Amino acid sequence: MEKEICTISIASTWLGDEYTFYEDHKIKRVYDNHSLSSNRTEWLEPHQISKHNKDKLIKNCPEEFKEQVMQILDYP
């Protein structure tokens, strides 16, 4: 596994929604569908993430990782 860059949470309710970015440009999402279906994991490509979620990810991204994350997301 490549080195982790950072993990960003974009959860808006009590349901989790976290994205972890790696140096090899992989993106792991760990999220909860509902209280009985939590910590689901999926690996995503940048085009699978909505513009709305990309906006939230960049907004919540720590400043020191923002440039790397924007490159991975092909943002804007």
N, C-alpha and C. Protein backbone atom coordinates (compact mmCIF):
# COMPACT_ATOMS: atom_id res chain seq x y z
N MET A 1 0.85 -1.19 0.00
CA MET A 1 0.00 0.00 0.00
C MET A 1 0.88 1.24 0.00
N GLU A 2 0.50 2.18 -0.80
CA GLU A 2 1.24 3.43 -0.88
C GLU A 2 1.04 4.27 0.37
N LYS A 3 1.87 5.25 0.51
CA LYS A 3 1.82 6.14 1.66
C LYS A 3 0.56 7.00 1.63
N GLU A 4 -0.07 7.11 2.77
CA GLU A 4 -1.28 7.91 2.92
C GLU A 4 -0.93 9.39 2.95
N ILE A 5 -1.73 10.19 2.24
CA ILE A 5 -1.54 11.64 2.26
C ILE A 5 -2.35 12.22 3.42
N CYS A 6 -3.67 11.99 3.39
CA CYS A 6 -4.53 12.48 4.46
C CYS A 6 -5.91 11.85 4.36
N THR A 7 -6.69 11.99 5.41
CA THR A 7 -8.08 11.55 5.45
C THR A 7 -8.94 12.77 5.71
N ILE A 8 -10.01 12.90 4.92
CA ILE A 8 -10.89 14.06 5.03
C ILE A 8 -12.32 13.56 5.26
N SER A 9 -12.96 14.10 6.28
CA SER A 9 -14.35 13.75 6.56
C SER A 9 -15.26 14.81 5.95
N ILE A 10 -16.31 14.34 5.24
CA ILE A 10 -17.32 15.27 4.73
C ILE A 10 -18.70 14.88 5.24
N ALA A 11 -18.72 14.21 6.38
CA ALA A 11 -19.99 13.79 6.97
C ALA A 11 -20.82 15.01 7.33
N SER A 12 -22.10 14.97 6.99
CA SER A 12 -22.98 16.10 7.30
C SER A 12 -23.98 15.75 8.40
N THR A 13 -24.09 14.47 8.72
CA THR A 13 -24.99 14.02 9.78
C THR A 13 -24.20 13.09 10.69
N TRP A 14 -24.87 12.28 11.44
CA TRP A 14 -24.19 11.32 12.31
C TRP A 14 -23.65 10.13 11.53
N LEU A 15 -23.95 10.06 10.23
CA LEU A 15 -23.40 9.00 9.39
C LEU A 15 -22.02 9.42 8.90
N GLY A 16 -21.04 8.52 9.02
CA GLY A 16 -19.68 8.83 8.61
C GLY A 16 -19.51 8.85 7.09
N ASP A 17 -18.58 9.66 6.62
CA ASP A 17 -18.22 9.72 5.21
C ASP A 17 -16.81 10.29 5.11
N GLU A 18 -15.82 9.39 5.02
CA GLU A 18 -14.43 9.80 5.02
C GLU A 18 -13.73 9.32 3.75
N TYR A 19 -12.87 10.18 3.24
CA TYR A 19 -12.08 9.85 2.05
C TYR A 19 -10.61 9.90 2.45
N THR A 20 -9.87 8.84 2.11
CA THR A 20 -8.44 8.80 2.36
C THR A 20 -7.72 8.83 1.03
N PHE A 21 -6.75 9.73 0.92
CA PHE A 21 -5.99 9.91 -0.31
C PHE A 21 -4.59 9.34 -0.14
N TYR A 22 -4.11 8.65 -1.19
CA TYR A 22 -2.79 8.02 -1.16
C TYR A 22 -1.90 8.60 -2.25
N GLU A 23 -0.58 8.48 -2.04
CA GLU A 23 0.38 9.05 -2.98
C GLU A 23 0.30 8.43 -4.37
N ASP A 24 -0.19 7.19 -4.48
CA ASP A 24 -0.32 6.56 -5.80
C ASP A 24 -1.65 6.94 -6.48
N HIS A 25 -2.31 7.97 -5.95
CA HIS A 25 -3.56 8.54 -6.47
C HIS A 25 -4.77 7.65 -6.24
N LYS A 26 -4.67 6.69 -5.34
CA LYS A 26 -5.84 5.90 -4.97
C LYS A 26 -6.66 6.70 -3.96
N ILE A 27 -7.97 6.47 -3.99
CA ILE A 27 -8.88 7.15 -3.07
C ILE A 27 -9.75 6.08 -2.41
N LYS A 28 -9.71 6.02 -1.08
CA LYS A 28 -10.54 5.06 -0.34
C LYS A 28 -11.63 5.84 0.37
N ARG A 29 -12.86 5.37 0.22
CA ARG A 29 -13.99 5.99 0.92
C ARG A 29 -14.53 5.00 1.94
N VAL A 30 -14.70 5.46 3.18
CA VAL A 30 -15.32 4.66 4.23
C VAL A 30 -16.55 5.45 4.68
N TYR A 31 -17.71 4.81 4.57
CA TYR A 31 -18.95 5.54 4.84
C TYR A 31 -19.99 4.64 5.49
N ASP A 32 -21.01 5.27 6.04
CA ASP A 32 -22.14 4.58 6.65
C ASP A 32 -23.38 4.82 5.80
N ASN A 33 -24.07 3.74 5.41
CA ASN A 33 -25.36 3.89 4.72
C ASN A 33 -26.44 4.30 5.70
N HIS A 34 -26.47 3.61 6.83
CA HIS A 34 -27.39 3.89 7.93
C HIS A 34 -26.84 3.20 9.17
N SER A 35 -27.50 3.31 10.28
CA SER A 35 -26.95 2.82 11.55
C SER A 35 -26.65 1.32 11.54
N LEU A 36 -27.33 0.56 10.71
CA LEU A 36 -27.10 -0.89 10.67
C LEU A 36 -26.12 -1.28 9.57
N SER A 37 -25.67 -0.32 8.80
CA SER A 37 -24.74 -0.59 7.71
C SER A 37 -23.63 0.46 7.76
N SER A 38 -22.66 0.21 8.64
CA SER A 38 -21.62 1.21 8.83
C SER A 38 -20.26 0.70 8.38
N ASN A 39 -19.35 1.65 8.22
CA ASN A 39 -17.97 1.37 7.82
C ASN A 39 -17.86 0.56 6.53
N ARG A 40 -18.65 0.92 5.55
CA ARG A 40 -18.54 0.31 4.22
C ARG A 40 -17.35 0.97 3.53
N THR A 41 -16.59 0.18 2.78
CA THR A 41 -15.39 0.69 2.11
C THR A 41 -15.52 0.50 0.61
N GLU A 42 -15.10 1.53 -0.13
CA GLU A 42 -15.01 1.41 -1.58
C GLU A 42 -13.80 2.20 -2.06
N TRP A 43 -13.24 1.76 -3.17
CA TRP A 43 -12.12 2.45 -3.80
C TRP A 43 -12.67 3.20 -5.00
N LEU A 44 -12.33 4.48 -5.10
CA LEU A 44 -12.92 5.34 -6.12
C LEU A 44 -11.89 5.92 -7.07
N GLU A 45 -12.36 6.23 -8.26
CA GLU A 45 -11.61 7.03 -9.22
C GLU A 45 -12.15 8.46 -9.10
N PRO A 46 -11.34 9.47 -9.42
CA PRO A 46 -11.81 10.85 -9.28
C PRO A 46 -13.12 11.14 -10.01
N HIS A 47 -13.34 10.55 -11.18
CA HIS A 47 -14.57 10.83 -11.93
C HIS A 47 -15.82 10.25 -11.26
N GLN A 48 -15.64 9.38 -10.27
CA GLN A 48 -16.78 8.80 -9.56
C GLN A 48 -17.26 9.68 -8.40
N ILE A 49 -16.53 10.74 -8.12
CA ILE A 49 -16.88 11.64 -7.02
C ILE A 49 -17.58 12.86 -7.59
N SER A 50 -18.75 13.19 -7.05
CA SER A 50 -19.53 14.32 -7.57
C SER A 50 -18.80 15.64 -7.35
N LYS A 51 -19.13 16.62 -8.17
CA LYS A 51 -18.55 17.97 -8.04
C LYS A 51 -18.84 18.51 -6.64
N HIS A 52 -20.05 18.27 -6.15
CA HIS A 52 -20.46 18.73 -4.82
C HIS A 52 -19.53 18.15 -3.74
N ASN A 53 -19.26 16.84 -3.81
CA ASN A 53 -18.39 16.21 -2.82
C ASN A 53 -16.94 16.65 -2.98
N LYS A 54 -16.50 16.87 -4.22
CA LYS A 54 -15.15 17.38 -4.44
C LYS A 54 -15.01 18.76 -3.79
N ASP A 55 -16.03 19.60 -3.94
CA ASP A 55 -16.01 20.93 -3.31
C ASP A 55 -15.86 20.80 -1.80
N LYS A 56 -16.63 19.88 -1.20
CA LYS A 56 -16.57 19.66 0.25
C LYS A 56 -15.20 19.14 0.67
N LEU A 57 -14.65 18.21 -0.12
CA LEU A 57 -13.34 17.65 0.21
C LEU A 57 -12.26 18.73 0.21
N ILE A 58 -12.26 19.57 -0.80
CA ILE A 58 -11.25 20.64 -0.88
C ILE A 58 -11.45 21.64 0.25
N LYS A 59 -12.70 21.96 0.56
CA LYS A 59 -12.99 22.90 1.64
C LYS A 59 -12.48 22.37 2.99
N ASN A 60 -12.63 21.06 3.22
CA ASN A 60 -12.25 20.46 4.50
C ASN A 60 -10.80 19.95 4.54
N CYS A 61 -10.10 20.06 3.42
CA CYS A 61 -8.75 19.54 3.33
C CYS A 61 -7.76 20.43 4.10
N PRO A 62 -6.86 19.81 4.90
CA PRO A 62 -5.82 20.61 5.55
C PRO A 62 -4.98 21.34 4.50
N GLU A 63 -4.64 22.56 4.78
CA GLU A 63 -3.95 23.43 3.81
C GLU A 63 -2.69 22.79 3.24
N GLU A 64 -1.93 22.08 4.07
CA GLU A 64 -0.66 21.52 3.60
C GLU A 64 -0.82 20.38 2.59
N PHE A 65 -2.05 19.82 2.48
CA PHE A 65 -2.30 18.72 1.54
C PHE A 65 -3.17 19.14 0.36
N LYS A 66 -3.66 20.37 0.40
CA LYS A 66 -4.66 20.82 -0.58
C LYS A 66 -4.20 20.66 -2.03
N GLU A 67 -2.96 21.05 -2.31
CA GLU A 67 -2.47 20.98 -3.69
C GLU A 67 -2.42 19.53 -4.20
N GLN A 68 -1.92 18.61 -3.36
CA GLN A 68 -1.85 17.20 -3.74
C GLN A 68 -3.26 16.62 -3.97
N VAL A 69 -4.17 16.92 -3.07
CA VAL A 69 -5.53 16.39 -3.17
C VAL A 69 -6.23 16.95 -4.41
N MET A 70 -6.01 18.22 -4.70
CA MET A 70 -6.62 18.82 -5.88
C MET A 70 -6.10 18.15 -7.16
N GLN A 71 -4.83 17.80 -7.19
CA GLN A 71 -4.27 17.09 -8.36
C GLN A 71 -4.92 15.72 -8.51
N ILE A 72 -5.03 14.99 -7.41
CA ILE A 72 -5.63 13.65 -7.46
C ILE A 72 -7.07 13.73 -7.94
N LEU A 73 -7.82 14.72 -7.44
CA LEU A 73 -9.24 14.87 -7.80
C LEU A 73 -9.44 15.49 -9.18
N ASP A 74 -8.35 15.97 -9.79
CA ASP A 74 -8.45 16.69 -11.05
C ASP A 74 -9.43 17.85 -10.87
N TYR A 75 -9.15 18.64 -9.85
CA TYR A 75 -10.05 19.73 -9.41
C TYR A 75 -9.41 21.06 -9.78
N PRO A 76 -10.09 22.02 -10.29
CA PRO A 76 -11.52 22.05 -10.56
C PRO A 76 -11.86 21.43 -11.89
